[in-house]
C-alpha atoms as a PDB file:
ATOM      1  CA  MET A   1      -8.010 -21.926  -0.949  1.00  0.00           C
ATOM      2  CA  LEU A   2      -7.517 -22.389   2.808  1.00  0.00           C
ATOM      3  CA  LYS A   3     -10.501 -22.137   5.158  1.00  0.00           C
ATOM      4  CA  TYR A   4      -9.362 -18.914   6.810  1.00  0.00           C
ATOM      5  CA  GLU A   5      -8.835 -17.298   3.382  1.00  0.00           C
ATOM      6  CA  ALA A   6     -12.359 -18.251   2.285  1.00  0.00           C
ATOM      7  CA  ILE A   7     -13.797 -16.814   5.503  1.00  0.00           C
ATOM      8  CA  ALA A   8     -11.748 -13.623   5.122  1.00  0.00           C
ATOM      9  CA  ASN A   9     -13.065 -13.262   1.557  1.00  0.00           C
ATOM     10  CA  ARG A  10     -16.644 -13.759   2.776  1.00  0.00           C
ATOM     11  CA  LEU A  11     -16.252 -11.150   5.511  1.00  0.00           C
ATOM     12  CA  ARG A  12     -14.631  -8.735   3.068  1.00  0.00           C
ATOM     13  CA  GLU A  13     -17.595  -9.151   0.710  1.00  0.00           C
ATOM     14  CA  ASP A  14     -19.995  -8.514   3.599  1.00  0.00           C
ATOM     15  CA  ILE A  15     -18.149  -5.276   4.385  1.00  0.00           C
ATOM     16  CA  GLN A  16     -18.125  -4.207   0.741  1.00  0.00           C
ATOM     17  CA  GLN A  17     -21.827  -4.924   0.332  1.00  0.00           C
ATOM     18  CA  GLY A  18     -22.750  -2.928   3.428  1.00  0.00           C
ATOM     19  CA  LYS A  19     -23.710  -5.781   5.759  1.00  0.00           C
ATOM     20  CA  TYR A  20     -21.283  -4.202   8.179  1.00  0.00           C
ATOM     21  CA  GLU A  21     -21.289  -0.412   8.409  1.00  0.00           C
ATOM     22  CA  PRO A  22     -18.193   1.685   9.193  1.00  0.00           C
ATOM     23  CA  VAL A  23     -17.271   1.441  12.918  1.00  0.00           C
ATOM     24  CA  GLN A  24     -19.712  -1.480  13.350  1.00  0.00           C
ATOM     25  CA  GLN A  25     -18.428  -4.402  15.375  1.00  0.00           C
ATOM     26  CA  LEU A  26     -17.957  -7.760  13.665  1.00  0.00           C
ATOM     27  CA  ALA A  27     -19.617 -10.811  15.169  1.00  0.00           C
ATOM     28  CA  LEU A  28     -17.715 -12.269  18.115  1.00  0.00           C
ATOM     29  CA  GLU A  29     -15.251 -15.085  17.444  1.00  0.00           C
ATOM     30  CA  LYS A  30     -17.439 -17.720  19.102  1.00  0.00           C
ATOM     31  CA  GLU A  31     -20.420 -16.615  16.996  1.00  0.00           C
ATOM     32  CA  MET A  32     -18.390 -16.845  13.778  1.00  0.00           C
ATOM     33  CA  CYS A  33     -17.113 -20.273  14.854  1.00  0.00           C
ATOM     34  CA  ARG A  34     -20.706 -21.490  14.974  1.00  0.00           C
ATOM     35  CA  GLU A  35     -21.626 -19.728  11.701  1.00  0.00           C
ATOM     36  CA  PHE A  36     -18.706 -21.120   9.691  1.00  0.00           C
ATOM     37  CA  GLY A  37     -18.237 -24.388  11.593  1.00  0.00           C
ATOM     38  CA  VAL A  38     -14.523 -23.837  12.241  1.00  0.00           C
ATOM     39  CA  SER A  39     -12.182 -23.376  15.187  1.00  0.00           C
ATOM     40  CA  ARG A  40     -11.374 -20.067  16.886  1.00  0.00           C
ATOM     41  CA  ILE A  41      -7.839 -20.276  15.484  1.00  0.00           C
ATOM     42  CA  THR A  42      -9.248 -20.298  11.937  1.00  0.00           C
ATOM     43  CA  ILE A  43     -11.497 -17.308  12.702  1.00  0.00           C
ATOM     44  CA  LYS A  44      -8.588 -15.454  14.280  1.00  0.00           C
ATOM     45  CA  ARG A  45      -6.465 -15.990  11.158  1.00  0.00           C
ATOM     46  CA  ALA A  46      -9.319 -14.778   8.944  1.00  0.00           C
ATOM     47  CA  VAL A  47      -9.792 -11.625  11.011  1.00  0.00           C
ATOM     48  CA  ASP A  48      -6.039 -11.020  11.125  1.00  0.00           C
ATOM     49  CA  GLU A  49      -6.104 -11.138   7.317  1.00  0.00           C
ATOM     50  CA  LEU A  50      -8.709  -8.348   7.268  1.00  0.00           C
ATOM     51  CA  VAL A  51      -6.562  -6.345   9.674  1.00  0.00           C
ATOM     52  CA  LYS A  52      -3.586  -6.740   7.306  1.00  0.00           C
ATOM     53  CA  GLN A  53      -5.763  -5.523   4.429  1.00  0.00           C
ATOM     54  CA  GLY A  54      -6.715  -2.393   6.368  1.00  0.00           C
ATOM     55  CA  LEU A  55     -10.442  -3.193   6.516  1.00  0.00           C
ATOM     56  CA  VAL A  56     -10.910  -3.744  10.250  1.00  0.00           C
ATOM     57  CA  VAL A  57      -9.232  -2.805  13.513  1.00  0.00           C
ATOM     58  CA  LYS A  58      -9.009  -4.804  16.741  1.00  0.00           C
ATOM     59  CA  ARG A  59      -9.708  -3.054  20.043  1.00  0.00           C
ATOM     60  CA  ARG A  60      -8.460  -4.892  23.085  1.00  0.00           C
ATOM     61  CA  GLY A  61     -11.311  -5.949  25.343  1.00  0.00           C
ATOM     62  CA  SER A  62     -13.960  -4.660  22.932  1.00  0.00           C
ATOM     63  CA  GLY A  63     -13.779  -6.674  19.712  1.00  0.00           C
ATOM     64  CA  THR A  64     -13.119  -6.097  16.017  1.00  0.00           C
ATOM     65  CA  PHE A  65     -14.582  -3.110  14.185  1.00  0.00           C
ATOM     66  CA  VAL A  66     -14.891  -2.061  10.544  1.00  0.00           C
ATOM     67  CA  LYS A  67     -12.536   0.811   9.826  1.00  0.00           C
ATOM     68  CA  THR A  68     -13.882   4.145   8.702  1.00  0.00           C
ATOM     69  CA  MET A  69     -12.218   6.993   6.818  1.00  0.00           C
ATOM     70  CA  GLU A  70     -14.498   9.612   8.384  1.00  0.00           C
ATOM     71  CA  ASN A  71     -11.975  10.377  11.097  1.00  0.00           C
ATOM     72  CA  GLU A  72     -10.072  13.421   9.821  1.00  0.00           C
ATOM     73  CA  ASP A  73      -6.709  12.205  11.093  1.00  0.00           C
ATOM     74  CA  VAL A  74      -7.103   8.843   9.383  1.00  0.00           C
ATOM     75  CA  ARG A  75      -8.193  10.514   6.157  1.00  0.00           C
ATOM     76  CA  GLU A  76      -5.166  12.805   6.237  1.00  0.00           C
ATOM     77  CA  LEU A  77      -2.781   9.934   6.820  1.00  0.00           C
ATOM     78  CA  SER A  78      -4.267   7.463   4.353  1.00  0.00           C
ATOM     79  CA  MET A  79      -5.274   9.772   1.547  1.00  0.00           C
ATOM     80  CA  ALA A  80      -3.780  13.252   1.524  1.00  0.00           C
ATOM     81  CA  ASN A  81      -0.289  12.333   2.607  1.00  0.00           C
ATOM     82  CA  GLN A  82       0.161   8.870   1.195  1.00  0.00           C
ATOM     83  CA  PHE A  83      -1.843   8.889  -1.993  1.00  0.00           C
ATOM     84  CA  SER A  84      -2.061  12.408  -3.358  1.00  0.00           C
ATOM     85  CA  GLY A  85       0.992  11.602  -5.439  1.00  0.00           C
ATOM     86  CA  PHE A  86       4.460  13.102  -5.478  1.00  0.00           C
ATOM     87  CA  ALA A  87       3.556  16.022  -7.764  1.00  0.00           C
ATOM     88  CA  ALA A  88       0.460  16.969  -5.765  1.00  0.00           C
ATOM     89  CA  THR A  89       2.322  16.712  -2.477  1.00  0.00           C
ATOM     90  CA  PHE A  90       4.888  19.231  -3.730  1.00  0.00           C
ATOM     91  CA  ALA A  91       2.515  21.495  -5.648  1.00  0.00           C
ATOM     92  CA  GLY A  92       4.193  24.808  -6.463  1.00  0.00           C
ATOM     93  CA  HIS A  93       7.591  23.177  -6.916  1.00  0.00           C
ATOM     94  CA  GLU A  94       9.266  21.908 -10.056  1.00  0.00           C
ATOM     95  CA  VAL A  95       8.679  18.158 -10.062  1.00  0.00           C
ATOM     96  CA  LYS A  96      10.178  15.735 -12.566  1.00  0.00           C
ATOM     97  CA  THR A  97      10.438  11.970 -12.881  1.00  0.00           C
ATOM     98  CA  ARG A  98      13.209   9.950 -14.501  1.00  0.00           C
ATOM     99  CA  VAL A  99      12.169   6.389 -15.358  1.00  0.00           C
ATOM    100  CA  LEU A 100      15.042   3.949 -14.903  1.00  0.00           C
ATOM    101  CA  ARG A 101      13.155   0.717 -15.560  1.00  0.00           C
ATOM    102  CA  PHE A 102       9.743  -0.276 -16.840  1.00  0.00           C
ATOM    103  CA  ASP A 103       9.068  -3.877 -17.770  1.00  0.00           C
ATOM    104  CA  ILE A 104       6.869  -6.877 -16.987  1.00  0.00           C
ATOM    105  CA  GLY A 105       7.815 -10.038 -15.152  1.00  0.00           C
ATOM    106  CA  HIS A 106       6.859 -12.524 -12.456  1.00  0.00           C
ATOM    107  CA  PRO A 107       6.969 -11.533  -8.767  1.00  0.00           C
ATOM    108  CA  SER A 108       9.225 -13.247  -6.281  1.00  0.00           C
ATOM    109  CA  GLU A 109       7.580 -15.418  -3.626  1.00  0.00           C
ATOM    110  CA  GLN A 110       7.907 -12.570  -1.120  1.00  0.00           C
ATOM    111  CA  VAL A 111       6.261  -9.995  -3.386  1.00  0.00           C
ATOM    112  CA  ALA A 112       3.620 -12.461  -4.597  1.00  0.00           C
ATOM    113  CA  GLU A 113       2.576 -13.089  -1.000  1.00  0.00           C
ATOM    114  CA  LYS A 114       2.283  -9.358  -0.272  1.00  0.00           C
ATOM    115  CA  LEU A 115       0.211  -8.762  -3.424  1.00  0.00           C
ATOM    116  CA  GLN A 116      -1.871 -11.945  -2.956  1.00  0.00           C
ATOM    117  CA  LEU A 117      -0.643 -13.337  -6.262  1.00  0.00           C
ATOM    118  CA  SER A 118       1.065 -16.483  -7.458  1.00  0.00           C
ATOM    119  CA  THR A 119       4.593 -16.417  -8.806  1.00  0.00           C
ATOM    120  CA  GLU A 120       3.089 -17.234 -12.230  1.00  0.00           C
ATOM    121  CA  ASP A 121       1.158 -13.952 -12.352  1.00  0.00           C
ATOM    122  CA  PHE A 122       2.573 -10.866 -14.037  1.00  0.00           C
ATOM    123  CA  VAL A 123       3.507  -7.552 -12.469  1.00  0.00           C
ATOM    124  CA  TYR A 124       4.861  -4.238 -13.674  1.00  0.00           C
ATOM    125  CA  ARG A 125       8.417  -3.677 -12.441  1.00  0.00           C
ATOM    126  CA  ILE A 126       9.069   0.036 -12.156  1.00  0.00           C
ATOM    127  CA  GLU A 127      12.058   2.036 -11.001  1.00  0.00           C
ATOM    128  CA  ARG A 128      11.867   5.826 -10.898  1.00  0.00           C
ATOM    129  CA  VAL A 129      13.866   8.743  -9.559  1.00  0.00           C
ATOM    130  CA  ARG A 130      11.694  11.625  -8.306  1.00  0.00           C
ATOM    131  CA  ILE A 131      13.284  15.044  -8.698  1.00  0.00           C
ATOM    132  CA  LEU A 132      12.233  18.121  -6.714  1.00  0.00           C
ATOM    133  CA  ASP A 133      13.426  21.580  -7.810  1.00  0.00           C
ATOM    134  CA  GLY A 134      16.290  19.980  -9.733  1.00  0.00           C
ATOM    135  CA  GLN A 135      17.386  17.767  -6.813  1.00  0.00           C
ATOM    136  CA  PRO A 136      16.801  13.984  -6.958  1.00  0.00           C
ATOM    137  CA  ILE A 137      15.407  13.049  -3.560  1.00  0.00           C
ATOM    138  CA  VAL A 138      13.990   9.529  -3.824  1.00  0.00           C
ATOM    139  CA  ILE A 139      14.370   6.389  -5.912  1.00  0.00           C
ATOM    140  CA  GLU A 140      11.303   4.151  -6.034  1.00  0.00           C
ATOM    141  CA  TYR A 141      11.131   0.413  -6.736  1.00  0.00           C
ATOM    142  CA  THR A 142       7.505  -0.532  -7.434  1.00  0.00           C
ATOM    143  CA  GLN A 143       5.605  -3.659  -8.445  1.00  0.00           C
ATOM    144  CA  MET A 144       1.900  -3.731  -9.374  1.00  0.00           C
ATOM    145  CA  PRO A 145      -0.368  -6.542 -10.657  1.00  0.00           C
ATOM    146  CA  ILE A 146      -1.083  -6.044 -14.349  1.00  0.00           C
ATOM    147  CA  GLN A 147      -4.498  -7.693 -14.111  1.00  0.00           C
ATOM    148  CA  LEU A 148      -5.602  -5.274 -11.387  1.00  0.00           C
ATOM    149  CA  ILE A 149      -3.946  -2.088 -12.764  1.00  0.00           C
ATOM    150  CA  PRO A 150      -4.045  -2.440 -16.570  1.00  0.00           C
ATOM    151  CA  GLY A 151      -2.779  -0.034 -19.192  1.00  0.00           C
ATOM    152  CA  ILE A 152       0.133   1.710 -17.492  1.00  0.00           C
ATOM    153  CA  ARG A 153       2.304   3.496 -20.045  1.00  0.00           C
ATOM    154  CA  GLN A 154       5.535   5.496 -19.909  1.00  0.00           C
ATOM    155  CA  GLN A 155       3.599   8.771 -19.775  1.00  0.00           C
ATOM    156  CA  VAL A 156       1.774   7.595 -16.646  1.00  0.00           C
ATOM    157  CA  LEU A 157       5.085   6.838 -14.948  1.00  0.00           C
ATOM    158  CA  GLU A 158       6.349  10.324 -15.737  1.00  0.00           C
ATOM    159  CA  THR A 159       3.312  11.955 -14.134  1.00  0.00           C
ATOM    160  CA  SER A 160       1.243  10.192 -11.440  1.00  0.00           C
ATOM    161  CA  ILE A 161       0.386   6.501 -11.170  1.00  0.00           C
ATOM    162  CA  TYR A 162      -2.066   7.161  -8.334  1.00  0.00           C
ATOM    163  CA  ARG A 163      -3.928   9.768 -10.364  1.00  0.00           C
ATOM    164  CA  TYR A 164      -4.158   7.280 -13.239  1.00  0.00           C
ATOM    165  CA  ILE A 165      -5.528   4.606 -10.908  1.00  0.00           C
ATOM    166  CA  GLU A 166      -8.232   6.818  -9.457  1.00  0.00           C
ATOM    167  CA  GLN A 167      -9.145   9.100 -12.354  1.00  0.00           C
ATOM    168  CA  ASP A 168      -8.611   6.863 -15.379  1.00  0.00           C
ATOM    169  CA  LEU A 169      -9.364   3.434 -13.947  1.00  0.00           C
ATOM    170  CA  GLY A 170     -12.002   4.656 -11.487  1.00  0.00           C
ATOM    171  CA  LEU A 171     -10.525   2.688  -8.579  1.00  0.00           C
ATOM    172  CA  HIS A 172     -10.334   4.005  -5.036  1.00  0.00           C
ATOM    173  CA  ILE A 173      -7.186   3.867  -2.925  1.00  0.00           C
ATOM    174  CA  GLN A 174      -7.812   3.504   0.780  1.00  0.00           C
ATOM    175  CA  SER A 175      -4.912   2.417   2.959  1.00  0.00           C
ATOM    176  CA  ALA A 176      -1.356   1.174   3.191  1.00  0.00           C
ATOM    177  CA  HIS A 177       0.889  -0.688   5.565  1.00  0.00           C
ATOM    178  CA  ARG A 178       4.310   0.902   5.835  1.00  0.00           C
ATOM    179  CA  SER A 179       7.602   0.225   7.531  1.00  0.00           C
ATOM    180  CA  VAL A 180      10.473   2.693   7.749  1.00  0.00           C
ATOM    181  CA  ARG A 181      14.128   2.041   8.445  1.00  0.00           C
ATOM    182  CA  ALA A 182      17.472   3.748   8.029  1.00  0.00           C
ATOM    183  CA  ASP A 183      20.041   2.287   5.653  1.00  0.00           C
ATOM    184  CA  MET A 184      23.063   3.223   3.600  1.00  0.00           C
ATOM    185  CA  PRO A 185      22.654   3.795  -0.152  1.00  0.00           C
ATOM    186  CA  THR A 186      24.050   1.444  -2.745  1.00  0.00           C
ATOM    187  CA  ASP A 187      26.628   2.764  -5.202  1.00  0.00           C
ATOM    188  CA  ARG A 188      23.929   3.078  -7.853  1.00  0.00           C
ATOM    189  CA  GLU A 189      21.665   4.995  -5.482  1.00  0.00           C
ATOM    190  CA  ARG A 190      24.494   7.322  -4.528  1.00  0.00           C
ATOM    191  CA  GLU A 191      24.909   8.139  -8.218  1.00  0.00           C
ATOM    192  CA  GLU A 192      21.191   8.523  -8.998  1.00  0.00           C
ATOM    193  CA  LEU A 193      20.489  10.623  -5.887  1.00  0.00           C
ATOM    194  CA  GLN A 194      23.712  12.630  -6.210  1.00  0.00           C
ATOM    195  CA  ILE A 195      24.866  11.710  -2.722  1.00  0.00           C
ATOM    196  CA  GLU A 196      28.351  12.829  -1.720  1.00  0.00           C
ATOM    197  CA  GLY A 197      30.161  11.717   1.392  1.00  0.00           C
ATOM    198  CA  THR A 198      28.425   9.674   4.084  1.00  0.00           C
ATOM    199  CA  LEU A 199      24.670  10.140   4.069  1.00  0.00           C
ATOM    200  CA  PRO A 200      22.112   7.579   5.280  1.00  0.00           C
ATOM    201  CA  ILE A 201      18.834   7.128   3.458  1.00  0.00           C
ATOM    202  CA  LEU A 202      15.330   6.412   4.735  1.00  0.00           C
ATOM    203  CA  GLU A 203      13.761   3.303   3.253  1.00  0.00           C
ATOM    204  CA  VAL A 204       9.956   3.110   3.201  1.00  0.00           C
ATOM    205  CA  SER A 205       8.444  -0.280   2.324  1.00  0.00           C
ATOM    206  CA  GLN A 206       4.744  -0.204   1.525  1.00  0.00           C
ATOM    207  CA  VAL A 207       1.859  -2.464   0.601  1.00  0.00           C
ATOM    208  CA  ALA A 208      -1.072  -0.320  -0.593  1.00  0.00           C
ATOM    209  CA  PHE A 209      -4.724  -1.407  -0.783  1.00  0.00           C
ATOM    210  CA  LEU A 210      -7.822  -0.417  -2.715  1.00  0.00           C
ATOM    211  CA  ASP A 211     -11.057   0.216  -0.844  1.00  0.00           C
ATOM    212  CA  ASP A 212     -12.189  -3.369  -1.487  1.00  0.00           C
ATOM    213  CA  GLY A 213      -9.137  -4.724   0.321  1.00  0.00           C
ATOM    214  CA  ARG A 214      -7.150  -5.815  -2.728  1.00  0.00           C
ATOM    215  CA  PRO A 215      -3.428  -4.988  -2.576  1.00  0.00           C
ATOM    216  CA  PHE A 216      -2.395  -3.108  -5.713  1.00  0.00           C
ATOM    217  CA  GLU A 217       1.157  -2.010  -4.965  1.00  0.00           C
ATOM    218  CA  TYR A 218       4.307  -3.198  -3.289  1.00  0.00           C
ATOM    219  CA  SER A 219       6.983  -0.535  -3.252  1.00  0.00           C
ATOM    220  CA  VAL A 220      10.288   0.283  -1.642  1.00  0.00           C
ATOM    221  CA  SER A 221      11.215   3.970  -1.692  1.00  0.00           C
ATOM    222  CA  ARG A 222      14.753   5.031  -0.785  1.00  0.00           C
ATOM    223  CA  HIS A 223      14.868   8.702   0.276  1.00  0.00           C
ATOM    224  CA  ARG A 224      17.817  11.019   0.784  1.00  0.00           C
ATOM    225  CA  GLY A 225      18.071  11.389   4.548  1.00  0.00           C
ATOM    226  CA  ASP A 226      18.708  15.128   4.337  1.00  0.00           C
ATOM    227  CA  LYS A 227      15.745  15.878   2.057  1.00  0.00           C
ATOM    228  CA  SER A 228      12.895  13.862   3.539  1.00  0.00           C
ATOM    229  CA  ASN A 229      10.636  13.856   6.571  1.00  0.00           C
ATOM    230  CA  PHE A 230       7.629  11.764   7.504  1.00  0.00           C
ATOM    231  CA  ARG A 231       4.529  12.468   9.560  1.00  0.00           C
ATOM    232  CA  SER A 232       2.494   9.701  11.137  1.00  0.00           C
ATOM    233  CA  VAL A 233      -0.863   9.544  12.857  1.00  0.00           C
ATOM    234  CA  SER A 234      -1.699   6.591  15.117  1.00  0.00           C
ATOM    235  CA  VAL A 235      -5.329   5.663  15.759  1.00  0.00           C
ATOM    236  CA  ARG A 236      -6.294   3.232  18.478  1.00  0.00           C
END
């Protein structure tokens, strides 16, 4: 394990164990340099790792602070909108799921890095079409570490993976890093999403984290451009 990774793990444990309270400022870089006996570059990389994991936020000119979910806007973005699950988001509508693929394999180097795994570890490989009121609107490509999220079955895929994670496994989902871009559908996606003519799709790539900072999901969701909209809240 590299030095900055070990320091990031130590700081994450301190946050989890309550040494740092929500919104509390972390020690300054120069103080952590003395504490850990490393350079400022190493400390910066360690803190950047915590930022990537959604545990802390940097404020220019002020320092680095532990993130809190008490802010209502942050809670709405991170929990209600992202992690309530497809069925809960569209409560009152007819929601169905068609599972296209469900197997186990090794992640690519890219996915392994995002999930903090090695390419020798095992992940679920899941592909699903989500159907709203009889209309397929999104196809999801998801990978999750088996060791972290054990026991997923076909029935879970046809209902809600997030509900299974929180209610059955007792884990707590906290945050995600997302990127959104426009693209054109593949021939397979055109067929699965019943796209006729020329219609772009919205691609949402996501790495999702538990409340202890561990990444539990890498997913790419490809949405019909005429059936989807996204709301974002930015917090400084």
